[in-house]
N, C-alpha and C. Protein backbone atom coordinates (compact mmCIF):
# COMPACT_ATOMS: atom_id res chain seq x y z
N UNK A 1 -58.84 -5.60 224.31
CA UNK A 1 -60.37 -6.20 224.80
C UNK A 1 -59.53 -7.61 226.21
N UNK A 2 -59.18 -8.58 225.69
CA UNK A 2 -59.01 -9.77 226.46
C UNK A 2 -57.69 -9.15 227.32
N UNK A 3 -56.71 -7.95 226.40
CA UNK A 3 -55.83 -7.74 227.98
C UNK A 3 -56.29 -7.26 228.95
N UNK A 4 -57.52 -5.35 228.77
CA UNK A 4 -57.86 -4.83 229.05
C UNK A 4 -58.94 -5.58 230.50
N UNK A 5 -59.76 -6.28 229.68
CA UNK A 5 -59.96 -7.67 230.77
C UNK A 5 -59.81 -8.34 231.45
N UNK A 6 -58.29 -8.21 231.49
CA UNK A 6 -57.45 -9.95 232.06
C UNK A 6 -56.88 -8.47 233.61
N UNK A 7 -56.63 -7.18 232.68
CA UNK A 7 -55.58 -6.59 233.45
C UNK A 7 -57.06 -6.01 235.31
N UNK A 8 -57.84 -5.61 234.56
CA UNK A 8 -59.28 -5.55 235.53
C UNK A 8 -59.43 -6.48 235.66
N UNK A 9 -59.76 -7.61 236.13
CA UNK A 9 -60.20 -8.70 237.05
C UNK A 9 -58.74 -8.72 237.92
N UNK A 10 -57.72 -8.75 237.56
CA UNK A 10 -56.09 -8.86 238.15
C UNK A 10 -56.18 -7.37 239.48
N UNK A 11 -56.56 -6.68 238.98
CA UNK A 11 -56.33 -5.94 239.74
C UNK A 11 -56.89 -5.77 240.74
N UNK A 12 -58.72 -5.85 240.25
CA UNK A 12 -59.92 -6.55 240.99
C UNK A 12 -59.79 -7.63 242.32
N UNK A 13 -58.91 -8.69 241.90
CA UNK A 13 -58.79 -9.84 242.58
C UNK A 13 -57.55 -9.35 243.53
N UNK A 14 -56.18 -8.69 242.81
CA UNK A 14 -55.43 -8.07 243.60
C UNK A 14 -56.15 -7.05 245.15
N UNK A 15 -56.77 -6.50 244.47
CA UNK A 15 -57.15 -5.49 245.72
C UNK A 15 -58.33 -5.89 246.39
N UNK A 16 -59.06 -7.57 246.39
CA UNK A 16 -59.49 -7.88 247.42
C UNK A 16 -57.98 -8.47 248.43
N UNK A 17 -57.79 -9.47 247.57
CA UNK A 17 -56.68 -10.23 247.81
C UNK A 17 -56.12 -9.38 249.43
N UNK A 18 -55.01 -7.87 248.70
CA UNK A 18 -54.59 -7.64 249.87
C UNK A 18 -56.02 -7.09 251.37
N UNK A 19 -57.02 -7.28 250.55
CA UNK A 19 -57.58 -6.19 251.74
C UNK A 19 -58.32 -7.92 252.69
N UNK A 20 -57.54 -8.94 252.16
CA UNK A 20 -57.99 -10.24 252.64
C UNK A 20 -59.91 -10.37 252.64
N UNK A 21 -60.63 -9.75 251.26
CA UNK A 21 -61.39 -10.71 250.82
C UNK A 21 -61.16 -11.74 249.54
N UNK A 22 -61.14 -13.06 250.59
CA UNK A 22 -60.86 -13.97 249.83
C UNK A 22 -62.46 -14.45 248.64
N UNK A 23 -63.04 -14.80 249.11
CA UNK A 23 -64.14 -14.73 247.93
C UNK A 23 -64.37 -14.38 246.99
N UNK A 24 -64.26 -12.63 247.41
CA UNK A 24 -63.80 -11.26 245.79
C UNK A 24 -62.47 -12.43 244.46
N UNK A 25 -61.49 -12.43 246.02
CA UNK A 25 -60.09 -12.93 244.87
C UNK A 25 -60.44 -13.40 244.10
N UNK A 26 -61.28 -14.80 245.01
CA UNK A 26 -60.61 -15.93 243.88
C UNK A 26 -61.75 -15.42 242.84
N UNK A 27 -62.51 -14.90 242.89
CA UNK A 27 -63.91 -14.89 241.88
C UNK A 27 -63.21 -14.08 240.84
N UNK A 28 -62.57 -13.24 241.44
CA UNK A 28 -61.49 -11.95 240.50
C UNK A 28 -60.23 -13.03 239.74
N UNK A 29 -59.75 -13.80 240.24
CA UNK A 29 -58.47 -14.58 240.15
C UNK A 29 -59.29 -15.73 238.62
N UNK A 30 -60.62 -15.97 238.73
CA UNK A 30 -60.77 -17.15 238.24
C UNK A 30 -61.33 -16.48 236.96
N UNK A 31 -62.16 -15.46 237.23
CA UNK A 31 -62.33 -14.87 235.80
C UNK A 31 -60.87 -14.52 234.87
N UNK A 32 -60.10 -13.84 235.69
CA UNK A 32 -58.69 -13.63 234.52
C UNK A 32 -58.24 -14.76 234.18
N UNK A 33 -58.71 -16.04 234.57
CA UNK A 33 -57.93 -16.81 234.58
C UNK A 33 -58.66 -17.62 233.08
N UNK A 34 -59.37 -17.50 233.03
CA UNK A 34 -60.76 -17.35 231.89
C UNK A 34 -60.27 -17.07 231.34
N UNK A 35 -60.00 -15.58 231.01
CA UNK A 35 -59.84 -14.54 229.93
C UNK A 35 -58.49 -14.79 229.53
N UNK A 36 -57.64 -15.42 230.25
CA UNK A 36 -56.36 -15.33 229.57
C UNK A 36 -55.37 -17.14 230.22
N UNK A 37 -56.55 -18.05 229.98
CA UNK A 37 -56.43 -19.62 230.78
C UNK A 37 -54.45 -19.81 230.07
N UNK A 38 -53.47 -19.40 229.59
CA UNK A 38 -52.01 -19.45 230.17
C UNK A 38 -51.31 -19.36 230.65
N UNK A 39 -52.41 -17.87 231.49
CA UNK A 39 -51.21 -17.55 232.31
C UNK A 39 -51.11 -17.90 233.62
N UNK A 40 -50.20 -18.15 234.70
CA UNK A 40 -49.85 -18.49 235.91
C UNK A 40 -50.18 -18.21 237.17
N UNK A 41 -50.38 -16.04 236.54
CA UNK A 41 -50.40 -15.87 238.27
C UNK A 41 -51.85 -15.94 238.67
N UNK A 42 -52.69 -15.95 238.09
CA UNK A 42 -54.23 -16.03 238.81
C UNK A 42 -54.49 -17.71 239.67
N UNK A 43 -54.08 -18.66 238.57
CA UNK A 43 -53.78 -19.89 239.49
C UNK A 43 -53.05 -19.94 240.97
N UNK A 44 -51.62 -19.21 240.30
CA UNK A 44 -50.98 -19.70 241.73
C UNK A 44 -52.01 -18.63 242.56
N UNK A 45 -51.83 -17.92 242.65
CA UNK A 45 -52.92 -16.59 243.94
C UNK A 45 -54.34 -17.46 244.43
N UNK A 46 -55.20 -18.02 242.70
CA UNK A 46 -56.33 -19.11 243.46
C UNK A 46 -55.74 -20.32 244.65
N UNK A 47 -54.43 -20.78 244.41
CA UNK A 47 -53.63 -21.98 244.45
C UNK A 47 -53.25 -20.90 246.31
N UNK A 48 -52.66 -20.03 246.81
CA UNK A 48 -52.60 -19.45 248.17
C UNK A 48 -53.84 -18.51 249.05
N UNK A 49 -55.34 -18.75 248.02
CA UNK A 49 -56.09 -18.67 248.64
C UNK A 49 -56.63 -20.02 249.42
N UNK A 50 -56.76 -20.81 248.61
CA UNK A 50 -56.74 -22.16 248.80
C UNK A 50 -56.60 -22.45 250.94
N UNK A 51 -55.51 -21.92 249.98
CA UNK A 51 -53.89 -22.64 250.80
C UNK A 51 -54.76 -21.67 252.46
N UNK A 52 -54.66 -20.70 252.21
CA UNK A 52 -55.00 -19.48 253.69
C UNK A 52 -56.24 -20.25 254.30
N UNK A 53 -57.45 -20.37 253.39
CA UNK A 53 -58.22 -20.99 253.43
C UNK A 53 -58.79 -22.17 254.15
N UNK A 54 -58.02 -23.09 254.04
CA UNK A 54 -57.71 -23.95 254.99
C UNK A 54 -56.67 -23.84 255.76
N UNK A 55 -55.75 -22.75 256.01
CA UNK A 55 -54.96 -22.57 257.36
C UNK A 55 -55.90 -22.61 258.37
N UNK A 56 -56.58 -20.96 257.96
CA UNK A 56 -57.61 -20.35 258.92
C UNK A 56 -58.70 -21.59 259.30
N UNK A 57 -59.26 -22.54 258.42
CA UNK A 57 -59.74 -23.58 258.69
C UNK A 57 -59.06 -24.33 259.94
N UNK A 58 -57.87 -24.58 259.52
CA UNK A 58 -57.75 -25.87 260.43
C UNK A 58 -57.30 -24.57 262.25
N UNK A 59 -57.08 -22.98 261.78
CA UNK A 59 -56.52 -22.75 263.38
C UNK A 59 -58.11 -22.73 263.53
N UNK A 60 -59.36 -22.89 263.10
CA UNK A 60 -60.98 -22.67 263.86
C UNK A 60 -60.90 -23.52 264.29
N UNK A 61 -60.64 -24.75 263.66
CA UNK A 61 -60.48 -26.16 264.57
C UNK A 61 -59.60 -25.91 265.67
N UNK A 62 -58.56 -25.82 265.11
CA UNK A 62 -57.65 -25.73 266.98
C UNK A 62 -58.31 -24.47 267.85
N UNK A 63 -58.83 -23.58 267.28
CA UNK A 63 -59.15 -22.82 268.33
C UNK A 63 -60.62 -23.02 269.08
N UNK A 64 -61.35 -24.54 268.82
CA UNK A 64 -62.46 -24.40 269.14
C UNK A 64 -62.35 -26.15 269.73
N UNK A 65 -61.36 -26.79 269.47
CA UNK A 65 -60.94 -27.84 270.15
C UNK A 65 -59.62 -26.93 271.43
N UNK A 66 -59.47 -26.14 271.51
CA UNK A 66 -58.78 -25.27 272.90
C UNK A 66 -60.02 -25.05 273.92
N UNK A 67 -60.62 -24.42 273.07
CA UNK A 67 -61.74 -23.67 273.89
C UNK A 67 -62.84 -25.18 274.67
N UNK A 68 -62.44 -25.88 273.69
CA UNK A 68 -63.00 -27.01 274.41
C UNK A 68 -62.53 -27.96 275.86
N UNK A 69 -61.17 -27.76 275.41
CA UNK A 69 -59.84 -28.69 276.52
C UNK A 69 -60.05 -27.35 277.92
N UNK A 70 -60.41 -26.20 277.24
CA UNK A 70 -60.03 -25.32 278.70
C UNK A 70 -61.41 -25.30 279.30
N UNK A 71 -62.61 -25.25 278.82
CA UNK A 71 -63.55 -25.24 279.52
C UNK A 71 -63.96 -26.99 280.13
N UNK A 72 -63.86 -27.79 279.73
CA UNK A 72 -63.43 -29.14 280.36
C UNK A 72 -62.71 -28.74 281.52
N UNK A 73 -61.78 -28.27 281.17
CA UNK A 73 -60.09 -27.94 282.34
C UNK A 73 -60.78 -27.70 283.83
N UNK A 74 -61.98 -26.01 283.27
CA UNK A 74 -62.06 -25.51 284.73
C UNK A 74 -62.86 -25.93 284.83
N UNK A 75 -64.08 -27.21 284.51
CA UNK A 75 -65.33 -27.20 284.86
C UNK A 75 -64.74 -28.47 285.57
N UNK A 76 -63.76 -29.01 285.41
CA UNK A 76 -63.10 -30.12 286.44
C UNK A 76 -62.51 -29.69 287.69
N UNK A 77 -61.36 -28.26 287.67
CA UNK A 77 -60.72 -27.46 288.22
C UNK A 77 -62.08 -27.60 289.01
N UNK A 78 -62.78 -26.74 288.85
CA UNK A 78 -64.08 -26.13 289.75
C UNK A 78 -64.19 -27.52 290.83
N UNK A 79 -64.82 -28.19 290.16
CA UNK A 79 -65.71 -29.61 290.83
C UNK A 79 -65.02 -30.50 291.32
N UNK A 80 -63.58 -29.43 291.65
CA UNK A 80 -61.85 -30.66 292.32
C UNK A 80 -61.36 -32.35 291.68
N UNK A 81 -61.82 -32.59 290.40
CA UNK A 81 -61.50 -33.46 289.96
C UNK A 81 -60.64 -33.08 288.67
N UNK A 82 -59.37 -32.90 290.02
CA UNK A 82 -58.07 -32.63 289.67
C UNK A 82 -57.13 -33.19 288.10
N UNK A 83 -57.44 -34.98 288.58
CA UNK A 83 -56.84 -35.30 287.56
C UNK A 83 -57.36 -35.44 285.80
N UNK A 84 -58.69 -35.20 285.75
CA UNK A 84 -59.69 -34.46 284.50
C UNK A 84 -59.10 -33.46 284.27
N UNK A 85 -59.18 -32.40 284.96
CA UNK A 85 -58.28 -31.52 284.89
C UNK A 85 -56.51 -31.38 284.25
N UNK A 86 -56.16 -31.36 284.99
CA UNK A 86 -54.64 -31.71 284.08
C UNK A 86 -54.83 -32.55 283.06
N UNK A 87 -55.83 -33.18 282.89
CA UNK A 87 -55.21 -33.99 281.17
C UNK A 87 -56.12 -32.41 279.90
N UNK A 88 -56.99 -32.06 280.75
CA UNK A 88 -57.95 -31.13 279.74
C UNK A 88 -56.81 -30.08 279.47
N UNK A 89 -56.08 -28.84 280.24
CA UNK A 89 -55.09 -28.34 280.42
C UNK A 89 -53.97 -28.55 279.56
N UNK A 90 -53.49 -30.00 279.70
CA UNK A 90 -52.24 -30.52 279.07
C UNK A 90 -52.72 -30.74 277.74
N UNK A 91 -54.13 -30.55 277.37
CA UNK A 91 -54.39 -31.46 276.06
C UNK A 91 -53.96 -29.88 275.20
N UNK A 92 -54.92 -28.75 275.85
CA UNK A 92 -55.19 -27.55 275.44
C UNK A 92 -53.45 -26.89 275.04
N UNK A 93 -52.49 -26.94 276.10
CA UNK A 93 -51.45 -26.62 276.18
C UNK A 93 -50.32 -27.12 274.44
N UNK A 94 -50.97 -28.75 274.31
CA UNK A 94 -50.43 -28.83 273.61
C UNK A 94 -51.28 -28.24 271.88
N UNK A 95 -52.39 -27.96 271.84
CA UNK A 95 -52.84 -26.98 270.86
C UNK A 95 -52.02 -25.49 270.90
N UNK A 96 -51.78 -25.06 271.49
CA UNK A 96 -51.47 -23.73 271.67
C UNK A 96 -50.62 -23.22 273.14
N UNK A 97 -49.29 -24.36 272.13
CA UNK A 97 -48.12 -24.32 273.44
C UNK A 97 -48.34 -22.65 274.30
N UNK A 98 -48.28 -21.72 272.93
CA UNK A 98 -47.72 -20.19 273.62
C UNK A 98 -48.88 -19.76 274.79
N UNK A 99 -49.92 -20.33 274.90
CA UNK A 99 -51.10 -19.59 275.35
C UNK A 99 -50.68 -19.66 277.04
N UNK A 100 -50.46 -18.62 277.62
CA UNK A 100 -50.57 -19.03 279.76
C UNK A 100 -51.63 -19.48 280.24
N UNK A 101 -52.91 -18.99 279.50
CA UNK A 101 -53.40 -19.76 280.83
C UNK A 101 -53.46 -21.42 281.29
N UNK A 102 -53.31 -22.14 280.27
CA UNK A 102 -53.15 -23.87 280.87
C UNK A 102 -52.20 -23.70 281.71
N UNK A 103 -51.14 -23.20 281.31
CA UNK A 103 -49.79 -23.61 281.83
C UNK A 103 -49.87 -22.94 283.02
N UNK A 104 -50.52 -21.78 283.75
CA UNK A 104 -50.94 -21.31 284.69
C UNK A 104 -51.99 -22.55 285.12
N UNK A 105 -52.95 -22.74 284.81
CA UNK A 105 -53.30 -23.63 285.56
C UNK A 105 -52.75 -24.86 285.90
N UNK A 106 -52.16 -25.33 285.32
CA UNK A 106 -51.33 -26.86 285.60
C UNK A 106 -50.55 -26.63 286.83
N UNK A 107 -49.91 -25.43 286.55
CA UNK A 107 -48.84 -25.01 288.37
C UNK A 107 -50.05 -24.98 288.71
N UNK A 108 -50.55 -24.26 289.22
CA UNK A 108 -52.11 -24.28 290.33
C UNK A 108 -52.23 -25.85 290.84
N UNK A 109 -52.34 -26.39 289.68
CA UNK A 109 -52.81 -27.83 289.93
C UNK A 109 -51.51 -28.44 291.32
N UNK A 110 -50.14 -28.69 290.30
CA UNK A 110 -49.08 -29.06 290.71
C UNK A 110 -49.37 -29.00 292.33
N UNK A 111 -48.70 -27.54 292.50
CA UNK A 111 -49.13 -26.77 293.47
C UNK A 111 -50.66 -27.75 295.12
N UNK A 112 -51.31 -27.72 294.74
CA UNK A 112 -52.59 -28.23 294.70
C UNK A 112 -52.44 -29.73 294.77
N UNK A 113 -51.73 -30.28 294.64
CA UNK A 113 -51.43 -31.87 294.15
C UNK A 113 -50.54 -32.01 295.64
N UNK A 114 -49.67 -31.28 295.15
CA UNK A 114 -48.30 -31.30 296.21
C UNK A 114 -48.73 -31.34 297.92
N UNK A 115 -48.98 -30.43 298.23
CA UNK A 115 -49.39 -29.24 299.27
C UNK A 115 -51.17 -30.75 299.76
N UNK A 116 -51.66 -31.35 298.72
CA UNK A 116 -52.34 -32.49 299.55
C UNK A 116 -51.24 -33.97 299.94
N UNK A 117 -50.90 -33.76 298.94
CA UNK A 117 -49.89 -35.05 299.13
C UNK A 117 -48.86 -34.41 301.02
N UNK A 118 -48.51 -33.34 301.21
CA UNK A 118 -48.26 -33.08 302.03
C UNK A 118 -48.79 -33.33 303.08
N UNK A 119 -50.22 -33.12 302.97
CA UNK A 119 -51.17 -32.67 304.11
C UNK A 119 -51.41 -34.22 304.71
N UNK A 120 -51.55 -35.35 303.20
CA UNK A 120 -51.59 -36.55 303.61
C UNK A 120 -50.64 -37.51 304.82
N UNK A 121 -49.54 -36.48 303.82
CA UNK A 121 -48.66 -37.43 305.13
C UNK A 121 -47.99 -36.96 306.82
N UNK A 122 -48.75 -35.67 306.83
CA UNK A 122 -49.03 -35.15 308.22
C UNK A 122 -50.03 -35.49 308.94
N UNK A 123 -51.46 -36.17 308.15
CA UNK A 123 -52.26 -36.85 308.53
C UNK A 123 -52.22 -38.54 308.41
N UNK A 124 -51.47 -38.62 308.29
CA UNK A 124 -50.52 -40.24 308.23
C UNK A 124 -50.26 -40.20 309.72
N UNK A 125 -49.18 -39.54 309.55
CA UNK A 125 -47.98 -39.24 310.81
C UNK A 125 -48.93 -39.37 312.24
N UNK A 126 -49.66 -38.17 312.31
CA UNK A 126 -51.07 -38.34 313.58
C UNK A 126 -51.57 -38.98 313.87
N UNK A 127 -52.44 -39.50 312.70
CA UNK A 127 -53.00 -40.67 313.25
C UNK A 127 -52.16 -41.47 313.67
N UNK A 128 -50.84 -42.19 312.94
CA UNK A 128 -49.84 -42.64 313.82
C UNK A 128 -49.43 -42.66 315.38
N UNK A 129 -49.44 -41.70 315.28
CA UNK A 129 -49.45 -41.33 316.88
C UNK A 129 -50.46 -41.33 317.67
N UNK A 130 -51.53 -40.78 317.51
CA UNK A 130 -52.55 -41.18 317.89
C UNK A 130 -52.89 -42.42 318.56
N UNK A 131 -53.11 -43.31 317.39
CA UNK A 131 -53.52 -45.31 317.03
C UNK A 131 -52.39 -45.42 318.34
N UNK A 132 -51.02 -45.09 318.33
CA UNK A 132 -50.11 -45.31 319.46
C UNK A 132 -50.45 -45.21 320.79
N UNK A 133 -50.97 -43.65 321.22
CA UNK A 133 -50.96 -42.99 322.72
C UNK A 133 -52.16 -44.42 322.41
N UNK A 134 -53.51 -43.95 322.00
CA UNK A 134 -54.64 -44.70 322.51
C UNK A 134 -54.47 -46.65 322.87
N UNK A 135 -53.44 -47.27 321.36
CA UNK A 135 -52.90 -48.63 322.30
C UNK A 135 -52.92 -48.44 323.51
N UNK A 136 -51.24 -47.81 323.42
CA UNK A 136 -50.74 -47.49 324.85
C UNK A 136 -52.13 -47.46 326.29
N UNK A 137 -52.90 -46.66 326.10
CA UNK A 137 -53.70 -45.79 326.92
C UNK A 137 -54.53 -47.21 327.31
N UNK A 138 -54.94 -47.38 326.39
CA UNK A 138 -55.69 -49.36 326.93
C UNK A 138 -55.49 -50.00 327.39
N UNK A 139 -53.82 -50.23 327.21
CA UNK A 139 -53.07 -51.52 327.91
C UNK A 139 -52.09 -50.67 329.36
N UNK A 140 -53.19 -49.44 329.52
CA UNK A 140 -52.46 -49.21 330.69
C UNK A 140 -50.77 -48.54 330.72
N UNK A 141 -50.63 -48.53 329.78
CA UNK A 141 -49.04 -48.33 329.56
C UNK A 141 -48.52 -46.76 329.00
N UNK A 142 -48.93 -45.71 330.59
CA UNK A 142 -49.49 -44.20 330.64
C UNK A 142 -48.23 -43.25 329.80
N UNK A 143 -47.13 -43.48 330.59
CA UNK A 143 -45.91 -43.23 330.01
C UNK A 143 -45.69 -43.67 328.15
N UNK A 144 -46.12 -44.74 328.01
CA UNK A 144 -46.32 -44.36 326.76
C UNK A 144 -46.70 -43.95 325.19
N UNK A 145 -48.70 -43.92 326.50
CA UNK A 145 -49.61 -43.38 325.56
C UNK A 145 -48.82 -41.66 326.19
N UNK A 146 -48.59 -40.90 326.78
CA UNK A 146 -48.11 -39.93 327.23
C UNK A 146 -47.22 -39.78 325.61
N UNK A 147 -46.42 -40.08 325.37
CA UNK A 147 -45.08 -40.11 324.23
C UNK A 147 -46.38 -40.19 322.69
N UNK A 148 -47.17 -40.62 322.37
CA UNK A 148 -47.58 -41.00 321.59
C UNK A 148 -48.54 -39.86 321.28
N UNK A 149 -49.12 -39.56 322.94
CA UNK A 149 -50.31 -38.24 322.38
C UNK A 149 -49.14 -37.03 322.30
N UNK A 150 -48.39 -36.65 323.27
CA UNK A 150 -47.45 -35.99 322.84
C UNK A 150 -46.64 -35.60 321.44
N UNK A 151 -46.61 -36.95 320.81
CA UNK A 151 -46.48 -36.28 319.49
C UNK A 151 -47.32 -36.28 318.53
N UNK A 152 -48.27 -36.41 318.60
CA UNK A 152 -49.29 -36.27 317.98
C UNK A 152 -49.75 -34.52 317.76
N UNK A 153 -49.56 -34.06 318.96
CA UNK A 153 -49.07 -32.45 319.08
C UNK A 153 -48.29 -31.87 319.12
N UNK A 154 -47.45 -32.69 319.18
CA UNK A 154 -45.92 -31.94 318.13
C UNK A 154 -46.43 -31.92 316.17
N UNK A 155 -47.27 -33.03 315.46
CA UNK A 155 -47.72 -32.38 314.55
C UNK A 155 -48.86 -31.93 314.30
N UNK A 156 -49.99 -31.88 315.15
CA UNK A 156 -50.96 -31.33 314.90
C UNK A 156 -51.15 -30.10 316.07
N UNK A 157 -50.76 -29.37 317.01
CA UNK A 157 -50.25 -28.20 317.80
C UNK A 157 -52.06 -28.13 318.11
N UNK A 158 -52.87 -27.51 316.89
CA UNK A 158 -54.43 -26.92 317.54
C UNK A 158 -55.60 -28.29 317.51
N UNK A 159 -55.13 -29.37 318.07
CA UNK A 159 -55.70 -30.46 317.96
C UNK A 159 -56.31 -31.00 319.60
N UNK A 160 -57.65 -31.42 319.64
CA UNK A 160 -58.01 -30.65 321.40
C UNK A 160 -57.39 -32.94 321.68
N UNK A 161 -57.89 -33.54 321.03
CA UNK A 161 -57.68 -35.06 321.57
C UNK A 161 -57.32 -35.45 321.81
N UNK A 162 -55.68 -35.27 321.78
CA UNK A 162 -54.34 -35.60 322.63
C UNK A 162 -54.32 -34.66 323.64
N UNK A 163 -54.92 -33.25 324.06
CA UNK A 163 -54.84 -32.63 325.15
C UNK A 163 -55.42 -32.79 326.03
N UNK A 164 -56.97 -33.88 325.63
CA UNK A 164 -57.82 -33.97 326.71
C UNK A 164 -57.10 -35.40 327.16
N UNK A 165 -56.69 -36.52 325.84
CA UNK A 165 -55.91 -37.54 326.79
C UNK A 165 -54.83 -37.37 327.64
N UNK A 166 -54.44 -36.99 327.18
CA UNK A 166 -53.02 -36.12 328.34
C UNK A 166 -53.65 -35.69 329.65
N UNK A 167 -54.20 -35.14 329.45
CA UNK A 167 -55.40 -34.67 330.82
C UNK A 167 -55.51 -35.55 331.53
N UNK A 168 -56.21 -36.85 331.01
CA UNK A 168 -57.19 -37.74 331.47
C UNK A 168 -55.60 -38.50 332.03
N UNK A 169 -54.72 -38.32 331.22
CA UNK A 169 -53.17 -39.62 332.05
C UNK A 169 -53.11 -38.88 333.32
N UNK A 170 -52.93 -37.39 332.92
CA UNK A 170 -51.89 -36.86 334.28
C UNK A 170 -53.10 -36.81 335.39
N UNK A 171 -54.67 -37.43 335.16
CA UNK A 171 -55.56 -37.20 336.31
C UNK A 171 -55.30 -38.67 336.85
N UNK A 172 -55.20 -40.09 335.87
CA UNK A 172 -54.99 -41.15 336.20
C UNK A 172 -53.62 -41.29 337.03
N UNK A 173 -53.10 -41.10 336.82
CA UNK A 173 -51.41 -40.87 337.72
C UNK A 173 -51.77 -40.36 338.49
N UNK A 174 -51.87 -39.09 338.73
CA UNK A 174 -52.16 -38.70 340.41
C UNK A 174 -53.15 -39.25 340.96
N UNK A 175 -53.56 -39.89 340.62
CA UNK A 175 -54.73 -40.56 341.63
C UNK A 175 -53.85 -41.66 341.79
C-alpha cells in the first residue's frame, strides 16, 4: 500500500513537473517524501523545483529592471537628455547582453553626440571667422574683414550675414 501510494504520488509529481506545474509537483513530491522518508528522489526533485522557482524569480527581477531601464532611457532620449539615456541603455545592456534594442539606441546616441560635436566645431570656426571679420570691419581694415567674412562663407555658405557684410565692404571700398 505504501509503495502504491508512493508510486502514485511520484507519477503525479513527475507529470506535473513535466508540464511545469511546479506547485502541484512540489506538493506531490512532498507527499511522496512523507510516504517514504528514506527516498532521496522526491527530495532532490523538490530542491530542483526550488532552484527553478528561484531562477524564475531572478529572471522576473531582471526583466523588471531591464524594462525600467529601457523606459528611463527612452524617456531621457526623447527629452534629449542624452547622458541619462546613455546610462540607462548601458544598464539595460548589462542586464540583458543579448538584447539588440539598447545596443541600437546606444549606437544612435553615439552618432547624435558625434554629429553634435562636429556641429559645435563648425559653429566655433564660423563664429571665429565672423568675429575676425567684424573686428577688422570696425577697425576699417576692409581686406582683413573681407577675408574673415569669406572664411565664414566657406564654413557656412548659406548664411546671409557674411554676404551682407561683404556687400557693405564692397560698397564702402567703391565709394
